[in-house]
Amino acid sequence: MTSIQVAVNVSDFDHVTLWTKEGADAPFLCIEPFNGLPDVYGDLVELGDKEGNQHLGVGDSKTYQCAINLR
């Protein structure tokens, strides 16, 4: 069996979710970095009021990076 190590740098992000398809014998794992949290089921929140969202001023921009390295 071959061993593979994965190093993921998500330091630009406040949250990371690890997930795979529910109920499936899926041969993968998703690594999803993000800034801001989704709505709680049944409790819709306006985009500007969502927990953890980052806000920029008009005309401002920001770049986020994620690095994935296999060993």
N, C-alpha and C. Protein backbone atom coordinates (compact mmCIF):
# COMPACT_ATOMS: atom_id res chain seq x y z
N MET A 1 0.85 -1.17 0.00
CA MET A 1 0.00 0.00 0.00
C MET A 1 0.90 1.24 0.00
N THR A 2 0.55 2.20 -0.81
CA THR A 2 1.29 3.46 -0.88
C THR A 2 0.76 4.44 0.15
N SER A 3 1.66 5.13 0.80
CA SER A 3 1.27 6.13 1.80
C SER A 3 1.46 7.52 1.21
N ILE A 4 0.44 8.33 1.32
CA ILE A 4 0.49 9.72 0.83
C ILE A 4 0.15 10.64 1.97
N GLN A 5 0.94 11.68 2.13
CA GLN A 5 0.66 12.72 3.12
C GLN A 5 0.20 13.96 2.38
N VAL A 6 -0.77 14.64 2.95
CA VAL A 6 -1.28 15.88 2.38
C VAL A 6 -1.11 16.99 3.41
N ALA A 7 -0.45 18.07 3.00
CA ALA A 7 -0.29 19.24 3.86
C ALA A 7 -1.13 20.36 3.26
N VAL A 8 -2.01 20.93 4.07
CA VAL A 8 -2.91 21.98 3.59
C VAL A 8 -2.69 23.23 4.43
N ASN A 9 -2.36 24.33 3.77
CA ASN A 9 -2.20 25.62 4.46
C ASN A 9 -3.44 26.46 4.17
N VAL A 10 -4.24 26.67 5.20
CA VAL A 10 -5.47 27.45 5.06
C VAL A 10 -5.45 28.64 6.03
N SER A 11 -4.27 29.19 6.26
CA SER A 11 -4.11 30.24 7.27
C SER A 11 -4.86 31.53 6.93
N ASP A 12 -5.27 31.71 5.67
CA ASP A 12 -6.05 32.89 5.28
C ASP A 12 -7.53 32.75 5.62
N PHE A 13 -7.93 31.59 6.12
CA PHE A 13 -9.33 31.30 6.35
C PHE A 13 -9.62 31.08 7.83
N ASP A 14 -10.82 31.48 8.25
CA ASP A 14 -11.25 31.33 9.64
C ASP A 14 -11.84 29.95 9.94
N HIS A 15 -12.35 29.29 8.92
CA HIS A 15 -13.05 28.01 9.11
C HIS A 15 -12.64 27.02 8.03
N VAL A 16 -12.66 25.75 8.39
CA VAL A 16 -12.39 24.67 7.43
C VAL A 16 -13.38 23.55 7.71
N THR A 17 -13.97 23.05 6.66
CA THR A 17 -14.88 21.92 6.76
C THR A 17 -14.27 20.73 6.04
N LEU A 18 -14.30 19.58 6.67
CA LEU A 18 -13.91 18.32 6.03
C LEU A 18 -15.19 17.53 5.84
N TRP A 19 -15.46 17.11 4.60
CA TRP A 19 -16.71 16.40 4.37
C TRP A 19 -16.56 15.44 3.20
N THR A 20 -17.49 14.51 3.15
CA THR A 20 -17.63 13.60 2.03
C THR A 20 -19.13 13.40 1.80
N LYS A 21 -19.49 12.80 0.72
CA LYS A 21 -20.91 12.64 0.40
C LYS A 21 -21.58 11.76 1.44
N GLU A 22 -22.62 12.29 2.06
CA GLU A 22 -23.33 11.59 3.13
C GLU A 22 -23.99 10.32 2.61
N GLY A 23 -23.80 9.25 3.37
CA GLY A 23 -24.46 7.99 3.03
C GLY A 23 -23.81 7.23 1.89
N ALA A 24 -22.68 7.71 1.39
CA ALA A 24 -22.03 7.04 0.27
C ALA A 24 -20.68 6.49 0.73
N ASP A 25 -20.25 5.46 0.06
CA ASP A 25 -18.92 4.93 0.32
C ASP A 25 -17.97 5.67 -0.62
N ALA A 26 -17.86 6.98 -0.43
CA ALA A 26 -17.10 7.83 -1.33
C ALA A 26 -15.60 7.71 -1.06
N PRO A 27 -14.80 7.57 -2.12
CA PRO A 27 -13.36 7.41 -1.95
C PRO A 27 -12.62 8.76 -1.89
N PHE A 28 -13.26 9.76 -1.33
CA PHE A 28 -12.63 11.08 -1.27
C PHE A 28 -13.03 11.81 -0.01
N LEU A 29 -12.25 12.82 0.32
CA LEU A 29 -12.54 13.72 1.43
C LEU A 29 -12.36 15.14 0.90
N CYS A 30 -13.37 15.97 1.04
CA CYS A 30 -13.28 17.36 0.60
C CYS A 30 -12.74 18.21 1.75
N ILE A 31 -11.83 19.11 1.41
CA ILE A 31 -11.28 20.08 2.35
C ILE A 31 -11.74 21.44 1.86
N GLU A 32 -12.64 22.07 2.60
CA GLU A 32 -13.27 23.31 2.13
C GLU A 32 -13.02 24.45 3.12
N PRO A 33 -12.03 25.31 2.81
CA PRO A 33 -11.79 26.47 3.66
C PRO A 33 -12.77 27.59 3.30
N PHE A 34 -13.20 28.36 4.30
CA PHE A 34 -14.09 29.48 4.02
C PHE A 34 -14.06 30.49 5.15
N ASN A 35 -14.53 31.67 4.87
CA ASN A 35 -14.67 32.73 5.86
C ASN A 35 -16.14 33.07 5.96
N GLY A 36 -16.71 32.86 7.11
CA GLY A 36 -18.14 33.06 7.31
C GLY A 36 -18.82 31.72 7.50
N LEU A 37 -19.91 31.75 8.23
CA LEU A 37 -20.62 30.51 8.53
C LEU A 37 -21.98 30.49 7.84
N PRO A 38 -22.46 29.31 7.47
CA PRO A 38 -23.77 29.21 6.81
C PRO A 38 -24.89 29.40 7.83
N ASP A 39 -26.09 29.54 7.30
CA ASP A 39 -27.27 29.62 8.16
C ASP A 39 -27.46 28.31 8.91
N VAL A 40 -28.03 28.40 10.07
CA VAL A 40 -28.48 27.21 10.79
C VAL A 40 -29.78 26.78 10.14
N TYR A 41 -29.98 25.49 9.97
CA TYR A 41 -31.17 24.99 9.30
C TYR A 41 -32.43 25.62 9.90
N GLY A 42 -33.26 26.23 9.04
CA GLY A 42 -34.52 26.83 9.48
C GLY A 42 -34.39 28.24 10.01
N ASP A 43 -33.19 28.81 10.04
CA ASP A 43 -32.98 30.16 10.57
C ASP A 43 -32.19 30.98 9.54
N LEU A 44 -32.90 31.51 8.55
CA LEU A 44 -32.25 32.28 7.49
C LEU A 44 -31.80 33.64 8.01
N VAL A 45 -30.56 34.02 7.67
CA VAL A 45 -29.96 35.27 8.12
C VAL A 45 -29.53 36.07 6.90
N GLU A 46 -29.74 37.38 6.94
CA GLU A 46 -29.30 38.24 5.85
C GLU A 46 -27.80 38.10 5.64
N LEU A 47 -27.34 38.19 4.40
CA LEU A 47 -25.94 37.99 4.07
C LEU A 47 -25.02 38.88 4.92
N GLY A 48 -25.33 40.13 5.09
CA GLY A 48 -24.49 41.05 5.85
C GLY A 48 -24.45 40.77 7.34
N ASP A 49 -25.39 39.97 7.83
CA ASP A 49 -25.47 39.66 9.26
C ASP A 49 -25.01 38.25 9.62
N LYS A 50 -24.57 37.48 8.62
CA LYS A 50 -24.17 36.10 8.89
C LYS A 50 -22.95 36.06 9.81
N GLU A 51 -22.96 35.12 10.72
CA GLU A 51 -21.89 34.96 11.71
C GLU A 51 -20.55 34.67 11.02
N GLY A 52 -19.53 35.39 11.42
CA GLY A 52 -18.18 35.13 10.94
C GLY A 52 -17.84 35.71 9.58
N ASN A 53 -18.80 36.33 8.89
CA ASN A 53 -18.50 36.91 7.57
C ASN A 53 -17.49 38.04 7.69
N GLN A 54 -16.64 38.13 6.71
CA GLN A 54 -15.70 39.24 6.63
C GLN A 54 -16.30 40.28 5.69
N HIS A 55 -16.12 41.55 6.03
CA HIS A 55 -16.72 42.63 5.24
C HIS A 55 -15.63 43.55 4.71
N LEU A 56 -15.80 43.97 3.47
CA LEU A 56 -14.89 44.93 2.84
C LEU A 56 -15.66 46.19 2.51
N GLY A 57 -14.94 47.32 2.50
CA GLY A 57 -15.55 48.57 2.11
C GLY A 57 -15.76 48.62 0.60
N VAL A 58 -16.55 49.55 0.15
CA VAL A 58 -16.81 49.74 -1.28
C VAL A 58 -15.48 49.97 -2.01
N GLY A 59 -15.24 49.22 -3.06
CA GLY A 59 -14.03 49.36 -3.85
C GLY A 59 -12.82 48.62 -3.29
N ASP A 60 -12.94 48.05 -2.09
CA ASP A 60 -11.84 47.29 -1.49
C ASP A 60 -11.83 45.87 -2.05
N SER A 61 -10.69 45.23 -1.97
CA SER A 61 -10.59 43.84 -2.38
C SER A 61 -9.62 43.12 -1.45
N LYS A 62 -9.70 41.80 -1.46
CA LYS A 62 -8.82 40.98 -0.64
C LYS A 62 -8.58 39.67 -1.37
N THR A 63 -7.38 39.15 -1.26
CA THR A 63 -7.03 37.89 -1.90
C THR A 63 -6.79 36.84 -0.82
N TYR A 64 -7.33 35.66 -1.05
CA TYR A 64 -7.15 34.54 -0.13
C TYR A 64 -6.40 33.44 -0.87
N GLN A 65 -5.53 32.75 -0.16
CA GLN A 65 -4.79 31.66 -0.77
C GLN A 65 -4.90 30.39 0.06
N CYS A 66 -4.88 29.28 -0.63
CA CYS A 66 -4.88 27.97 0.00
C CYS A 66 -3.82 27.15 -0.73
N ALA A 67 -2.92 26.52 0.00
CA ALA A 67 -1.88 25.70 -0.62
C ALA A 67 -2.06 24.25 -0.20
N ILE A 68 -1.99 23.36 -1.19
CA ILE A 68 -2.11 21.93 -0.94
C ILE A 68 -0.86 21.26 -1.49
N ASN A 69 -0.15 20.53 -0.64
CA ASN A 69 1.08 19.86 -1.04
C ASN A 69 0.97 18.38 -0.72
N LEU A 70 1.35 17.57 -1.70
CA LEU A 70 1.37 16.10 -1.52
C LEU A 70 2.80 15.66 -1.27
N ARG A 71 2.98 14.71 -0.38
CA ARG A 71 4.31 14.17 -0.08
C ARG A 71 4.30 12.68 -0.25
